[in-house]
Amino acid sequence: MRRMYEFVCESGHLTESLEAYEVKDLPCWCGGQSRRIISAAAISLEGWSGHFPSAHGRFDRIHREKLKAERKASA
């Protein structure tokens, strides 16, 4: 199975490549040798609750805010 991995060379060039798990080294475009590194996961948490945001939750919150504003404007 192939996965996306990040590689960094001796010169500091960072590249991503779709490789098999067994691949630990790749040639860099600068001519040096690059090694696979562990990269940070890209996640996003809501600031006030710490929960994972979802499209439905975001829609629901915006919809409730709009309804509240409309009710306030009509009152």
C-alpha atoms as a PDB file:
ATOM      1  CA  MET A   1       0.000   0.000   0.000  1.00  0.00           C
ATOM      2  CA  ARG A   2       1.291   3.408  -0.932  1.00  0.00           C
ATOM      3  CA  ARG A   3       0.915   6.460   1.279  1.00  0.00           C
ATOM      4  CA  MET A   4       1.956  10.095   1.216  1.00  0.00           C
ATOM      5  CA  TYR A   5       5.186  10.699   3.155  1.00  0.00           C
ATOM      6  CA  GLU A   6       7.366  13.757   3.716  1.00  0.00           C
ATOM      7  CA  PHE A   7      11.076  13.660   3.010  1.00  0.00           C
ATOM      8  CA  VAL A   8      13.808  16.156   3.878  1.00  0.00           C
ATOM      9  CA  CYS A   9      17.345  16.259   2.429  1.00  0.00           C
ATOM     10  CA  GLU A  10      20.651  17.410   3.943  1.00  0.00           C
ATOM     11  CA  SER A  11      20.103  20.857   2.377  1.00  0.00           C
ATOM     12  CA  GLY A  12      16.723  21.220   4.079  1.00  0.00           C
ATOM     13  CA  HIS A  13      14.485  20.739   1.028  1.00  0.00           C
ATOM     14  CA  LEU A  14      11.103  19.357   2.059  1.00  0.00           C
ATOM     15  CA  THR A  15       9.199  17.186  -0.428  1.00  0.00           C
ATOM     16  CA  GLU A  16       6.155  14.918  -0.355  1.00  0.00           C
ATOM     17  CA  SER A  17       5.942  11.676  -2.258  1.00  0.00           C
ATOM     18  CA  LEU A  18       3.503   8.789  -2.617  1.00  0.00           C
ATOM     19  CA  GLU A  19       5.626   5.784  -1.608  1.00  0.00           C
ATOM     20  CA  ALA A  20       5.435   2.303  -0.126  1.00  0.00           C
ATOM     21  CA  TYR A  21       5.985   1.920   3.616  1.00  0.00           C
ATOM     22  CA  GLU A  22       9.382   0.265   3.089  1.00  0.00           C
ATOM     23  CA  VAL A  23      10.878   3.311   1.333  1.00  0.00           C
ATOM     24  CA  LYS A  24      12.980   5.287   3.845  1.00  0.00           C
ATOM     25  CA  ASP A  25      15.277   7.281   1.501  1.00  0.00           C
ATOM     26  CA  LEU A  26      14.746   9.049  -1.821  1.00  0.00           C
ATOM     27  CA  PRO A  27      16.999  11.089  -4.082  1.00  0.00           C
ATOM     28  CA  CYS A  28      16.246  14.812  -3.727  1.00  0.00           C
ATOM     29  CA  TRP A  29      15.804  17.096  -6.720  1.00  0.00           C
ATOM     30  CA  CYS A  30      18.961  18.962  -5.650  1.00  0.00           C
ATOM     31  CA  GLY A  31      21.052  15.815  -5.997  1.00  0.00           C
ATOM     32  CA  GLY A  32      21.314  14.954  -2.297  1.00  0.00           C
ATOM     33  CA  GLN A  33      19.720  12.105  -0.408  1.00  0.00           C
ATOM     34  CA  SER A  34      16.461  12.722   1.451  1.00  0.00           C
ATOM     35  CA  ARG A  35      15.182  10.772   4.468  1.00  0.00           C
ATOM     36  CA  ARG A  36      11.568  10.166   5.436  1.00  0.00           C
ATOM     37  CA  ILE A  37      10.407  12.210   8.432  1.00  0.00           C
ATOM     38  CA  ILE A  38       7.426  12.064  10.756  1.00  0.00           C
ATOM     39  CA  SER A  39       5.181  15.003   9.996  1.00  0.00           C
ATOM     40  CA  ALA A  40       2.586  16.606  12.238  1.00  0.00           C
ATOM     41  CA  ALA A  41      -1.028  15.697  11.704  1.00  0.00           C
ATOM     42  CA  ALA A  42      -3.251  18.443  10.289  1.00  0.00           C
ATOM     43  CA  ILE A  43      -6.298  18.688  12.550  1.00  0.00           C
ATOM     44  CA  SER A  44      -8.461  21.573  13.575  1.00  0.00           C
ATOM     45  CA  LEU A  45     -10.243  21.906  16.898  1.00  0.00           C
ATOM     46  CA  GLU A  46     -12.835  24.455  17.869  1.00  0.00           C
ATOM     47  CA  GLY A  47     -11.346  26.976  20.264  1.00  0.00           C
ATOM     48  CA  TRP A  48     -14.095  27.029  22.863  1.00  0.00           C
ATOM     49  CA  SER A  49     -15.088  23.364  23.144  1.00  0.00           C
ATOM     50  CA  GLY A  50     -12.156  21.311  21.833  1.00  0.00           C
ATOM     51  CA  HIS A  51     -14.421  19.257  19.588  1.00  0.00           C
ATOM     52  CA  PHE A  52     -13.703  18.445  15.966  1.00  0.00           C
ATOM     53  CA  PRO A  53     -15.599  20.866  13.741  1.00  0.00           C
ATOM     54  CA  SER A  54     -17.958  19.392  11.188  1.00  0.00           C
ATOM     55  CA  ALA A  55     -19.728  20.867   8.199  1.00  0.00           C
ATOM     56  CA  HIS A  56     -23.108  20.128   9.770  1.00  0.00           C
ATOM     57  CA  GLY A  57     -22.186  21.720  13.086  1.00  0.00           C
ATOM     58  CA  ARG A  58     -20.877  24.818  11.326  1.00  0.00           C
ATOM     59  CA  PHE A  59     -24.064  25.059   9.187  1.00  0.00           C
ATOM     60  CA  ASP A  60     -26.269  24.609  12.243  1.00  0.00           C
ATOM     61  CA  ARG A  61     -24.469  27.329  14.211  1.00  0.00           C
ATOM     62  CA  ILE A  62     -24.597  29.840  11.316  1.00  0.00           C
ATOM     63  CA  HIS A  63     -28.268  29.007  10.667  1.00  0.00           C
ATOM     64  CA  ARG A  64     -29.178  29.607  14.336  1.00  0.00           C
ATOM     65  CA  GLU A  65     -27.292  32.925  14.337  1.00  0.00           C
ATOM     66  CA  LYS A  66     -29.143  34.077  11.204  1.00  0.00           C
ATOM     67  CA  LEU A  67     -32.519  33.110  12.680  1.00  0.00           C
ATOM     68  CA  LYS A  68     -31.707  34.977  15.879  1.00  0.00           C
ATOM     69  CA  ALA A  69     -30.697  38.097  13.917  1.00  0.00           C
ATOM     70  CA  GLU A  70     -33.865  37.931  11.787  1.00  0.00           C
ATOM     71  CA  ARG A  71     -36.077  37.589  14.869  1.00  0.00           C
ATOM     72  CA  LYS A  72     -34.333  40.513  16.519  1.00  0.00           C
ATOM     73  CA  ALA A  73     -34.706  42.688  13.378  1.00  0.00           C
ATOM     74  CA  SER A  74     -38.439  41.902  13.041  1.00  0.00           C
ATOM     75  CA  ALA A  75     -39.196  42.539  16.728  1.00  0.00           C
END
